[in-house]
């Protein structure tokens, strides 16, 4: 059974984005996320990339979808806080950037850095697959 070109793009982009996200979580965050977190992220990315690649690539759509991805995983964190009866923003890992540490105590900065990580992973994967892999 052959996989369609679009399905290959969606799967490859999902794997790239999860790999980038894993790298950043592994290198600059504490505590490290669970395997379940990444297992949930992969099909969610596949669905988002399925919608994204259903129309021609544009920078505006890539940016909108990267914000959507970041927002969805912000909601994921809030849902797990409720599920585990944890405090508000308690699931936000600390981000170690050299001598600087971004924590949940600075929610706006934390949200911006997490957009950079999660949204950036989506953007890099979208561009890589659209511009490099399929050309």
Protein backbone atom coordinates (compact mmCIF):
# COMPACT_ATOMS: atom_id res chain seq x y z
CA UNK A 1 0.00 0.00 0.00
CA UNK A 2 1.54 3.28 -1.09
CA UNK A 3 1.37 6.34 1.11
CA UNK A 4 0.22 9.50 -0.63
CA UNK A 5 2.65 12.37 -1.01
CA UNK A 6 0.52 14.55 1.28
CA UNK A 7 0.39 11.87 3.99
CA UNK A 8 4.16 11.51 3.80
CA UNK A 9 4.53 15.28 4.20
CA UNK A 10 2.19 15.29 7.20
CA UNK A 11 3.96 12.39 8.89
CA UNK A 12 7.46 13.69 8.19
CA UNK A 13 6.56 17.20 9.38
CA UNK A 14 5.03 15.72 12.56
CA UNK A 15 8.18 13.71 13.27
CA UNK A 16 10.40 16.74 12.67
CA UNK A 17 8.32 18.95 14.98
CA UNK A 18 8.22 16.35 17.78
CA UNK A 19 11.97 15.80 17.42
CA UNK A 20 12.66 19.53 17.72
CA UNK A 21 10.33 19.79 20.69
CA UNK A 22 11.95 16.76 22.36
CA UNK A 23 15.41 18.29 21.83
CA UNK A 24 14.40 21.54 23.54
CA UNK A 25 12.60 19.79 26.39
CA UNK A 26 15.61 17.52 26.90
CA UNK A 27 18.23 20.27 26.82
CA UNK A 28 16.68 23.32 28.51
CA UNK A 29 13.70 22.28 30.64
CA UNK A 30 13.30 20.80 34.07
CA UNK A 31 11.60 18.50 34.73
CA UNK A 32 11.68 16.58 31.45
CA UNK A 33 8.30 15.77 29.93
CA UNK A 34 6.98 12.22 29.95
CA UNK A 35 6.86 9.86 26.99
CA UNK A 36 3.07 10.18 27.11
CA UNK A 37 3.39 13.90 26.43
CA UNK A 38 5.29 13.26 23.20
CA UNK A 39 3.02 10.34 22.29
CA UNK A 40 0.03 12.69 22.52
CA UNK A 41 1.84 15.42 20.63
CA UNK A 42 2.61 13.29 17.55
CA UNK A 43 -1.00 12.54 16.45
CA UNK A 44 -2.03 16.10 17.34
CA UNK A 45 0.68 17.42 15.07
CA UNK A 46 -0.33 14.97 12.37
CA UNK A 47 -3.90 16.32 12.49
CA UNK A 48 -2.71 19.92 12.40
CA UNK A 49 -0.32 19.22 9.51
CA UNK A 50 -3.17 17.40 7.72
CA UNK A 51 -5.21 20.58 7.87
CA UNK A 52 -2.19 22.76 7.10
CA UNK A 53 -1.07 20.85 4.01
CA UNK A 54 -4.65 20.58 2.69
CA UNK A 55 -4.11 23.99 1.07
CA UNK A 56 -1.08 25.62 -0.53
CA UNK A 57 1.69 26.71 1.81
CA UNK A 58 1.69 30.39 2.79
CA UNK A 59 3.67 32.16 5.49
CA UNK A 60 0.49 33.53 7.03
CA UNK A 61 -1.07 30.05 7.33
CA UNK A 62 2.17 28.68 8.79
CA UNK A 63 2.16 31.40 11.45
CA UNK A 64 -1.54 30.90 12.26
CA UNK A 65 -1.07 27.13 12.60
CA UNK A 66 2.05 27.57 14.74
CA UNK A 67 0.02 29.77 17.12
CA UNK A 68 -2.76 27.15 17.09
CA UNK A 69 -0.27 24.42 17.99
CA UNK A 70 1.14 26.47 20.86
CA UNK A 71 -2.37 27.30 22.09
CA UNK A 72 -3.52 23.66 21.95
CA UNK A 73 -0.60 22.58 24.08
CA UNK A 74 -1.15 25.44 26.49
CA UNK A 75 -4.66 24.04 26.93
CA UNK A 76 -3.19 20.53 27.30
CA UNK A 77 -1.09 21.75 30.23
CA UNK A 78 -4.10 23.43 31.88
CA UNK A 79 -6.23 20.28 31.44
CA UNK A 80 -3.56 18.10 33.03
CA UNK A 81 -3.35 20.54 35.94
CA UNK A 82 -7.08 20.10 36.53
CA UNK A 83 -6.89 16.33 36.00
CA UNK A 84 -4.08 15.95 38.55
CA UNK A 85 -5.52 18.61 40.92
CA UNK A 86 -2.33 20.61 40.55
CA UNK A 87 -2.00 24.36 40.97
CA UNK A 88 -2.43 26.83 38.12
CA UNK A 89 0.69 26.84 35.91
CA UNK A 90 2.28 24.12 38.07
CA UNK A 91 2.90 21.88 35.04
CA UNK A 92 4.95 24.49 33.22
CA UNK A 93 8.54 23.23 33.25
CA UNK A 94 11.32 25.64 34.15
CA UNK A 95 13.33 26.78 31.15
CA UNK A 96 17.08 27.12 31.69
CA UNK A 97 18.67 29.64 29.32
CA UNK A 98 22.23 29.90 30.55
CA UNK A 99 22.25 32.07 33.67
CA UNK A 100 18.58 32.96 33.14
CA UNK A 101 15.71 30.75 34.20
CA UNK A 102 12.14 31.26 32.99
CA UNK A 103 9.53 29.85 35.36
CA UNK A 104 5.78 29.84 35.83
CA UNK A 105 6.32 32.83 38.17
CA UNK A 106 6.68 34.91 34.99
CA UNK A 107 3.67 33.66 33.00
CA UNK A 108 3.88 36.11 30.08
CA UNK A 109 7.58 35.50 29.50
CA UNK A 110 7.03 31.78 29.95
CA UNK A 111 4.22 31.81 27.37
CA UNK A 112 6.40 33.71 24.89
CA UNK A 113 9.33 31.32 25.31
CA UNK A 114 7.02 28.31 24.99
CA UNK A 115 5.55 29.82 21.83
CA UNK A 116 9.09 30.12 20.52
CA UNK A 117 9.74 26.46 21.28
CA UNK A 118 6.41 24.90 20.26
CA UNK A 119 5.45 27.37 17.54
CA UNK A 120 9.01 27.40 16.26
CA UNK A 121 9.04 23.60 16.03
CA UNK A 122 5.86 23.74 13.93
CA UNK A 123 7.26 26.49 11.67
CA UNK A 124 10.60 24.77 11.12
CA UNK A 125 8.89 21.47 10.31
CA UNK A 126 6.40 23.12 7.93
CA UNK A 127 9.12 25.02 6.08
CA UNK A 128 11.50 22.04 6.01
CA UNK A 129 8.92 19.71 4.51
CA UNK A 130 7.44 22.23 2.10
CA UNK A 131 10.67 23.85 0.93
CA UNK A 132 13.29 21.13 1.21
CA UNK A 133 11.80 17.65 1.39
CA UNK A 134 9.23 17.95 -1.36
CA UNK A 135 11.33 19.85 -3.88
